[in-house]
Amino acid sequence: MRWRRQLYSIGRLLGLLGLLGLLVLVTSGCAVRPYPPVQLVDREPAISEMARAQQHGRLDFIPQAAAPAIPVRVFGRDEAGPPVILVHGLQSHSGWFVQSADFIARLGRPVYAFDRKGSGLSEAKRGHANSYEEWIEEIRILVEMATRRHGSPRVHLVGHCFGAIPAAAFACRYPELVASLILPTAAIHTRTDVSFLEKLRIFIGRVTGRQSYIPIHLQAEMFTDLPDYEAFIRGDNLALSQATAQFYWQVPRARRYIKNHVDRLTMPVFMALADKDPICDNAGNRRFFDNLPAQDKLLKSYEDAEHILEFSREREAFFEDLAAWFRYRDQGHESN
């Protein structure tokens, strides 16, 4: 019996040493490390169709009282239709979506494509968010400005990929301000995730307040299979490569907020899926769509697209469906 007690004690000791080693490993990654320096320069894309579209927009900076200004690309500023607010994804920024912004503006609607706090040209702390409420508030500021400027009571809200989370959260908070919700390749449900150790670092960062950076595990080939667009993504110095533990902590909180308030999403909803998407969980997103209370809703899937629809061979098909969606709104179907 004595040798069993000794083995048990040795086992406990080894277990404690292993746990201590794991904690040392994890906490060593929780030191506050600055994001690598980024030149906040708005360069013209090397892809000709993107460059042409970008030239049709104007870059503005919307001041905030207690935070850095919000960078916004404005397309169709003088158009008379209800404005459109475009929300980009996790790694991307507004510059990735200039083609859809320009296309929607040519349909007769002013478009405001902005860079989320800490992304793109934003001068806020890179890849950081204190709360998902900040994402909702940024959209609110832009909606207030756009509705006042264009004399419209509501906006159309486009949330690409991760942008679907703040867009849907805003629509849950302020449904009366949303004429329709458009969700291309929505990241409401995703197939990608961080590792177990990174989850521990996120938790420890939440508890201790030490905001280590966690890599964003997305590669250029996950967004598109078109070589020119892959090269654009790989060479984009404004793309977000890391986010803080606090940022990551906010993502499930925002998703829970949407889940708990999904009954408020009664406005028209257009969801678009890429059939070859390695990032989004299409089955989960279909279930989300099916459970929406909206009576006026449309689901489209595009079989030859990886993730970003305007970076795919399905761009024109997607744009045609966008045009049809807005034409239907123009016929007097702006709300339920």
Protein backbone atom coordinates (compact mmCIF):
# COMPACT_ATOMS: atom_id res chain seq x y z
CA MET A 1 0.00 0.00 0.00
CA ARG A 2 2.89 2.30 0.77
CA TRP A 3 4.26 2.10 -2.77
CA ARG A 4 0.80 2.91 -4.14
CA ARG A 5 0.65 6.05 -2.01
CA GLN A 6 4.11 6.99 -3.25
CA LEU A 7 3.08 6.47 -6.90
CA TYR A 8 -0.07 8.52 -6.27
CA SER A 9 2.02 11.33 -4.73
CA ILE A 10 4.48 11.21 -7.62
CA GLY A 11 1.57 11.30 -10.10
CA ARG A 12 0.05 14.32 -8.39
CA LEU A 13 3.42 16.05 -8.38
CA LEU A 14 3.94 15.38 -12.09
CA GLY A 15 0.41 16.59 -12.76
CA LEU A 16 1.01 19.81 -10.84
CA LEU A 17 4.34 20.34 -12.60
CA GLY A 18 2.63 19.78 -15.94
CA LEU A 19 -0.11 22.26 -15.05
CA LEU A 20 2.49 24.76 -13.87
CA GLY A 21 4.41 24.32 -17.11
CA LEU A 22 1.24 24.85 -19.12
CA LEU A 23 0.41 28.01 -17.18
CA VAL A 24 3.95 29.30 -17.68
CA LEU A 25 3.67 28.57 -21.40
CA VAL A 26 0.31 30.28 -21.68
CA THR A 27 1.06 33.30 -19.50
CA SER A 28 4.38 33.86 -21.28
CA GLY A 29 2.27 34.64 -24.33
CA CYS A 30 0.10 37.04 -22.35
CA ALA A 31 2.70 39.75 -22.05
CA VAL A 32 1.61 43.04 -23.55
CA ARG A 33 3.23 43.05 -26.97
CA PRO A 34 2.65 45.92 -29.38
CA TYR A 35 1.12 45.27 -32.76
CA PRO A 36 3.83 45.49 -35.46
CA PRO A 37 3.98 49.04 -36.88
CA VAL A 38 1.55 49.64 -39.76
CA GLN A 39 1.71 52.49 -42.26
CA LEU A 40 -1.82 53.85 -42.49
CA VAL A 41 -1.61 54.70 -46.18
CA ASP A 42 -4.53 54.31 -48.57
CA ARG A 43 -2.82 52.75 -51.57
CA GLU A 44 -4.46 52.17 -54.93
CA PRO A 45 -5.07 48.45 -55.55
CA ALA A 46 -3.04 46.79 -58.31
CA ILE A 47 -6.21 45.14 -59.63
CA SER A 48 -7.61 47.47 -62.27
CA GLU A 49 -11.32 46.96 -61.52
CA MET A 50 -10.73 47.62 -57.83
CA ALA A 51 -8.64 50.72 -58.61
CA ARG A 52 -11.39 52.13 -60.85
CA ALA A 53 -14.04 51.49 -58.22
CA GLN A 54 -11.92 53.04 -55.45
CA GLN A 55 -11.45 56.21 -57.52
CA HIS A 56 -15.23 56.69 -57.59
CA GLY A 57 -15.31 57.01 -53.81
CA ARG A 58 -14.08 59.70 -51.47
CA LEU A 59 -12.28 59.05 -48.22
CA ASP A 60 -13.67 60.97 -45.26
CA PHE A 61 -12.92 60.86 -41.53
CA ILE A 62 -15.90 61.15 -39.18
CA PRO A 63 -14.82 62.75 -35.87
CA GLN A 64 -15.74 61.26 -32.50
CA ALA A 65 -15.65 63.06 -29.17
CA ALA A 66 -13.61 60.51 -27.21
CA ALA A 67 -12.11 58.22 -29.86
CA PRO A 68 -10.13 58.45 -33.11
CA ALA A 69 -12.04 59.49 -36.22
CA ILE A 70 -13.83 56.80 -38.24
CA PRO A 71 -12.41 56.38 -41.78
CA VAL A 72 -15.27 56.18 -44.29
CA ARG A 73 -15.28 55.67 -48.06
CA VAL A 74 -18.27 57.52 -49.47
CA PHE A 75 -19.71 56.47 -52.85
CA GLY A 76 -22.63 58.18 -54.56
CA ARG A 77 -22.74 60.99 -52.04
CA ASP A 78 -25.26 62.95 -54.14
CA GLU A 79 -27.59 60.02 -54.81
CA ALA A 80 -31.12 60.35 -53.47
CA GLY A 81 -31.94 56.78 -52.41
CA PRO A 82 -31.86 55.50 -48.82
CA PRO A 83 -28.22 55.23 -47.72
CA VAL A 84 -26.30 51.97 -47.38
CA ILE A 85 -23.82 51.28 -44.58
CA LEU A 86 -21.20 48.65 -45.45
CA VAL A 87 -19.47 46.73 -42.63
CA HIS A 88 -16.28 44.80 -43.50
CA GLY A 89 -14.93 41.53 -42.12
CA LEU A 90 -12.40 40.53 -39.46
CA GLN A 91 -9.14 40.69 -41.40
CA SER A 92 -10.34 43.00 -44.14
CA HIS A 93 -11.21 46.70 -44.29
CA SER A 94 -13.42 48.93 -46.43
CA GLY A 95 -10.87 48.92 -49.27
CA TRP A 96 -11.67 45.27 -49.99
CA PHE A 97 -15.28 46.10 -50.85
CA VAL A 98 -14.97 49.14 -53.10
CA GLN A 99 -16.46 47.23 -56.05
CA SER A 100 -19.74 46.41 -54.29
CA ALA A 101 -19.84 49.91 -52.77
CA ASP A 102 -19.41 51.48 -56.21
CA PHE A 103 -21.93 49.10 -57.75
CA ILE A 104 -24.61 49.90 -55.15
CA ALA A 105 -23.95 53.63 -55.54
CA ARG A 106 -24.54 53.31 -59.29
CA LEU A 107 -27.95 51.85 -58.44
CA GLY A 108 -28.80 55.28 -57.00
CA ARG A 109 -27.96 54.90 -53.31
CA PRO A 110 -25.26 56.65 -51.28
CA VAL A 111 -22.88 54.13 -49.71
CA TYR A 112 -20.77 54.54 -46.58
CA ALA A 113 -18.09 51.85 -46.24
CA PHE A 114 -16.15 52.39 -43.02
CA ASP A 115 -13.13 50.91 -41.27
CA ARG A 116 -13.93 49.35 -37.91
CA LYS A 117 -12.09 50.70 -34.89
CA GLY A 118 -8.52 49.34 -34.98
CA SER A 119 -8.77 48.12 -38.59
CA GLY A 120 -7.81 49.50 -41.99
CA LEU A 121 -7.00 53.20 -41.75
CA SER A 122 -8.32 53.59 -38.20
CA GLU A 123 -5.82 55.15 -35.80
CA ALA A 124 -7.33 53.34 -32.81
CA LYS A 125 -5.41 50.56 -31.06
CA ARG A 126 -4.82 47.90 -33.68
CA GLY A 127 -7.07 44.85 -33.50
CA HIS A 128 -8.63 45.81 -30.18
CA ALA A 129 -12.13 46.28 -28.80
CA ASN A 130 -13.10 47.01 -25.22
CA SER A 131 -16.64 45.83 -25.87
CA TYR A 132 -18.81 44.69 -28.77
CA GLU A 133 -20.93 47.72 -27.87
CA GLU A 134 -18.25 49.80 -29.58
CA TRP A 135 -19.03 48.05 -32.87
CA ILE A 136 -22.71 48.88 -32.51
CA GLU A 137 -21.91 52.48 -31.56
CA GLU A 138 -19.71 53.05 -34.62
CA ILE A 139 -22.55 51.95 -36.88
CA ARG A 140 -24.98 54.15 -34.95
CA ILE A 141 -22.78 57.21 -35.52
CA LEU A 142 -22.67 56.54 -39.26
CA VAL A 143 -26.39 55.79 -39.47
CA GLU A 144 -27.21 59.03 -37.66
CA MET A 145 -24.98 61.01 -40.02
CA ALA A 146 -26.26 59.30 -43.19
CA THR A 147 -29.96 59.54 -42.33
CA ARG A 148 -29.57 63.21 -41.43
CA ARG A 149 -27.56 64.00 -44.56
CA HIS A 150 -29.93 62.22 -46.96
CA GLY A 151 -33.24 62.81 -45.18
CA SER A 152 -34.00 59.11 -44.91
CA PRO A 153 -35.45 57.48 -41.76
CA ARG A 154 -33.64 54.16 -42.34
CA VAL A 155 -30.55 52.64 -43.93
CA HIS A 156 -29.72 49.38 -45.63
CA LEU A 157 -27.03 47.54 -43.68
CA VAL A 158 -24.51 45.25 -45.44
CA GLY A 159 -22.38 43.03 -43.19
CA HIS A 160 -19.66 41.07 -44.98
CA CYS A 161 -18.36 37.95 -43.16
CA PHE A 162 -17.42 39.02 -39.59
CA GLY A 163 -19.17 42.32 -40.35
CA ALA A 164 -22.45 40.39 -40.14
CA ILE A 165 -21.97 40.21 -36.36
CA PRO A 166 -21.89 43.98 -35.62
CA ALA A 167 -24.44 44.56 -38.40
CA ALA A 168 -26.92 42.04 -36.98
CA ALA A 169 -26.26 43.26 -33.43
CA PHE A 170 -27.03 46.82 -34.54
CA ALA A 171 -30.20 45.63 -36.28
CA CYS A 172 -31.26 43.90 -33.06
CA ARG A 173 -30.60 47.08 -31.04
CA TYR A 174 -32.14 49.55 -33.52
CA PRO A 175 -34.52 47.62 -35.81
CA GLU A 176 -36.49 50.78 -36.58
CA LEU A 177 -33.42 52.23 -38.34
CA VAL A 178 -32.78 49.29 -40.69
CA ALA A 179 -34.64 49.12 -44.01
CA SER A 180 -33.01 45.79 -44.86
CA LEU A 181 -30.16 43.60 -43.63
CA ILE A 182 -27.81 42.14 -46.26
CA LEU A 183 -25.41 39.42 -45.10
CA PRO A 184 -22.92 38.16 -47.73
CA THR A 185 -21.01 35.09 -46.43
CA ALA A 186 -22.04 35.88 -42.88
CA ALA A 187 -19.79 34.82 -39.98
CA ILE A 188 -22.73 34.32 -37.64
CA HIS A 189 -21.50 30.70 -37.65
CA THR A 190 -17.96 29.82 -38.73
CA ARG A 191 -15.76 26.77 -39.30
CA THR A 192 -12.55 28.48 -38.17
CA ASP A 193 -11.42 28.84 -34.56
CA VAL A 194 -8.43 29.56 -32.34
CA SER A 195 -6.43 26.79 -30.64
CA PHE A 196 -6.98 25.53 -27.08
CA LEU A 197 -3.85 27.34 -25.83
CA GLU A 198 -5.02 30.54 -27.50
CA LYS A 199 -8.39 30.18 -25.79
CA LEU A 200 -6.55 29.93 -22.48
CA ARG A 201 -4.60 33.09 -23.34
CA ILE A 202 -7.85 34.86 -24.19
CA PHE A 203 -9.35 33.80 -20.85
CA ILE A 204 -6.23 34.80 -18.90
CA GLY A 205 -6.15 38.12 -20.74
CA ARG A 206 -9.75 38.69 -19.73
CA VAL A 207 -9.04 37.89 -16.08
CA THR A 208 -5.72 39.73 -15.76
CA GLY A 209 -6.28 42.57 -18.22
CA ARG A 210 -2.98 41.74 -19.97
CA GLN A 211 -3.91 42.10 -23.61
CA SER A 212 -1.72 39.73 -25.60
CA TYR A 213 -2.26 39.51 -29.34
CA ILE A 214 -3.74 36.34 -30.82
CA PRO A 215 -3.11 35.56 -34.52
CA ILE A 216 -6.00 35.64 -36.98
CA HIS A 217 -5.80 32.20 -38.60
CA LEU A 218 -7.01 33.13 -42.08
CA GLN A 219 -4.96 32.76 -45.25
CA ALA A 220 -5.42 34.52 -48.59
CA GLU A 221 -6.49 31.30 -50.35
CA MET A 222 -9.42 30.97 -47.93
CA PHE A 223 -10.97 34.17 -49.31
CA THR A 224 -10.62 33.53 -53.04
CA ASP A 225 -9.21 31.16 -55.62
CA LEU A 226 -8.47 33.95 -58.12
CA PRO A 227 -4.67 34.56 -58.24
CA ASP A 228 -4.86 38.36 -58.59
CA TYR A 229 -7.07 38.68 -55.53
CA GLU A 230 -4.94 36.24 -53.53
CA ALA A 231 -1.92 38.42 -54.31
CA PHE A 232 -3.85 41.54 -53.31
CA ILE A 233 -4.76 40.05 -49.92
CA ARG A 234 -1.22 38.77 -49.24
CA GLY A 235 0.28 42.15 -50.07
CA ASP A 236 -2.22 44.27 -48.15
CA ASN A 237 -0.38 45.92 -45.25
CA LEU A 238 -3.69 47.21 -43.84
CA ALA A 239 -5.13 43.70 -43.40
CA LEU A 240 -5.48 42.72 -39.76
CA SER A 241 -3.17 39.85 -38.80
CA GLN A 242 -3.77 39.77 -35.03
CA ALA A 243 -6.38 40.82 -32.49
CA THR A 244 -6.23 41.26 -28.74
CA ALA A 245 -7.57 38.75 -26.24
CA GLN A 246 -10.25 41.30 -25.32
CA PHE A 247 -11.35 41.57 -28.97
CA TYR A 248 -11.70 37.80 -29.21
CA TRP A 249 -13.62 37.75 -25.92
CA GLN A 250 -16.20 40.11 -27.40
CA VAL A 251 -17.05 37.91 -30.39
CA PRO A 252 -19.06 35.22 -28.52
CA ARG A 253 -20.64 37.97 -26.41
CA ALA A 254 -21.90 39.69 -29.57
CA ARG A 255 -23.14 36.38 -30.96
CA ARG A 256 -25.04 35.69 -27.75
CA TYR A 257 -26.58 39.16 -27.92
CA ILE A 258 -27.84 38.42 -31.45
CA LYS A 259 -29.17 35.00 -30.40
CA ASN A 260 -31.00 36.50 -27.43
CA HIS A 261 -32.57 39.27 -29.51
CA VAL A 262 -33.11 37.54 -32.85
CA ASP A 263 -36.85 38.14 -32.53
CA ARG A 264 -36.15 41.79 -33.41
CA LEU A 265 -34.80 40.91 -36.87
CA THR A 266 -38.14 41.39 -38.61
CA MET A 267 -36.78 43.66 -41.34
CA PRO A 268 -36.15 42.21 -44.83
CA VAL A 269 -33.02 40.02 -44.90
CA PHE A 270 -30.88 38.92 -47.85
CA MET A 271 -28.27 36.26 -47.01
CA ALA A 272 -25.68 35.15 -49.59
CA LEU A 273 -23.56 32.00 -49.21
CA ALA A 274 -20.41 30.86 -51.01
CA ASP A 275 -20.70 27.11 -51.60
CA LYS A 276 -16.92 26.52 -51.32
CA ASP A 277 -16.53 28.68 -48.22
CA PRO A 278 -13.80 27.33 -45.88
CA ILE A 279 -14.45 30.07 -43.30
CA CYS A 280 -18.19 30.19 -42.75
CA ASP A 281 -20.39 27.35 -41.53
CA ASN A 282 -23.04 27.40 -44.26
CA ALA A 283 -25.24 24.83 -42.54
CA GLY A 284 -25.27 26.87 -39.33
CA ASN A 285 -25.97 30.06 -41.22
CA ARG A 286 -28.84 28.43 -43.10
CA ARG A 287 -30.38 27.44 -39.77
CA PHE A 288 -29.92 31.00 -38.52
CA PHE A 289 -31.63 32.30 -41.66
CA ASP A 290 -34.49 29.80 -41.42
CA ASN A 291 -35.16 30.84 -37.83
CA LEU A 292 -35.32 34.56 -38.56
CA PRO A 293 -38.77 36.05 -37.90
CA ALA A 294 -38.55 38.24 -41.04
CA GLN A 295 -41.34 37.52 -43.49
CA ASP A 296 -39.47 39.09 -46.40
CA LYS A 297 -36.20 37.20 -46.70
CA LEU A 298 -34.03 35.78 -49.47
CA LEU A 299 -31.26 33.17 -49.38
CA LYS A 300 -28.88 32.75 -52.34
CA SER A 301 -25.88 30.47 -52.74
CA TYR A 302 -23.07 30.75 -55.28
CA GLU A 303 -21.47 27.48 -56.25
CA ASP A 304 -18.18 28.80 -57.65
CA ALA A 305 -17.14 31.11 -54.80
CA GLU A 306 -14.62 30.55 -52.00
CA HIS A 307 -15.66 33.30 -49.58
CA ILE A 308 -15.67 36.94 -50.72
CA LEU A 309 -18.22 37.05 -53.49
CA GLU A 310 -16.76 40.04 -55.29
CA PHE A 311 -13.39 38.28 -55.30
CA SER A 312 -14.93 35.29 -57.09
CA ARG A 313 -16.19 34.17 -60.49
CA GLU A 314 -19.68 34.71 -59.08
CA ARG A 315 -19.28 38.46 -58.67
CA GLU A 316 -21.63 39.42 -61.50
CA ALA A 317 -24.29 36.94 -60.36
CA PHE A 318 -24.09 38.32 -56.83
CA PHE A 319 -24.27 41.91 -58.10
CA GLU A 320 -27.32 41.05 -60.22
CA ASP A 321 -29.04 39.65 -57.14
CA LEU A 322 -28.09 42.78 -55.17
CA ALA A 323 -29.59 44.95 -57.91
CA ALA A 324 -32.80 42.88 -57.90
CA TRP A 325 -32.98 43.19 -54.10
CA PHE A 326 -32.74 46.98 -54.23
CA ARG A 327 -35.15 47.24 -57.17
CA TYR A 328 -37.71 45.38 -55.09
CA ARG A 329 -37.15 47.90 -52.27
CA ASP A 330 -37.64 50.73 -54.77
CA GLN A 331 -41.08 49.34 -55.58
CA GLY A 332 -42.28 50.27 -52.14
CA HIS A 333 -41.04 47.33 -50.10
CA GLU A 334 -38.56 49.23 -47.90
CA SER A 335 -39.91 47.58 -44.76
CA ASN A 336 -42.31 44.86 -43.64
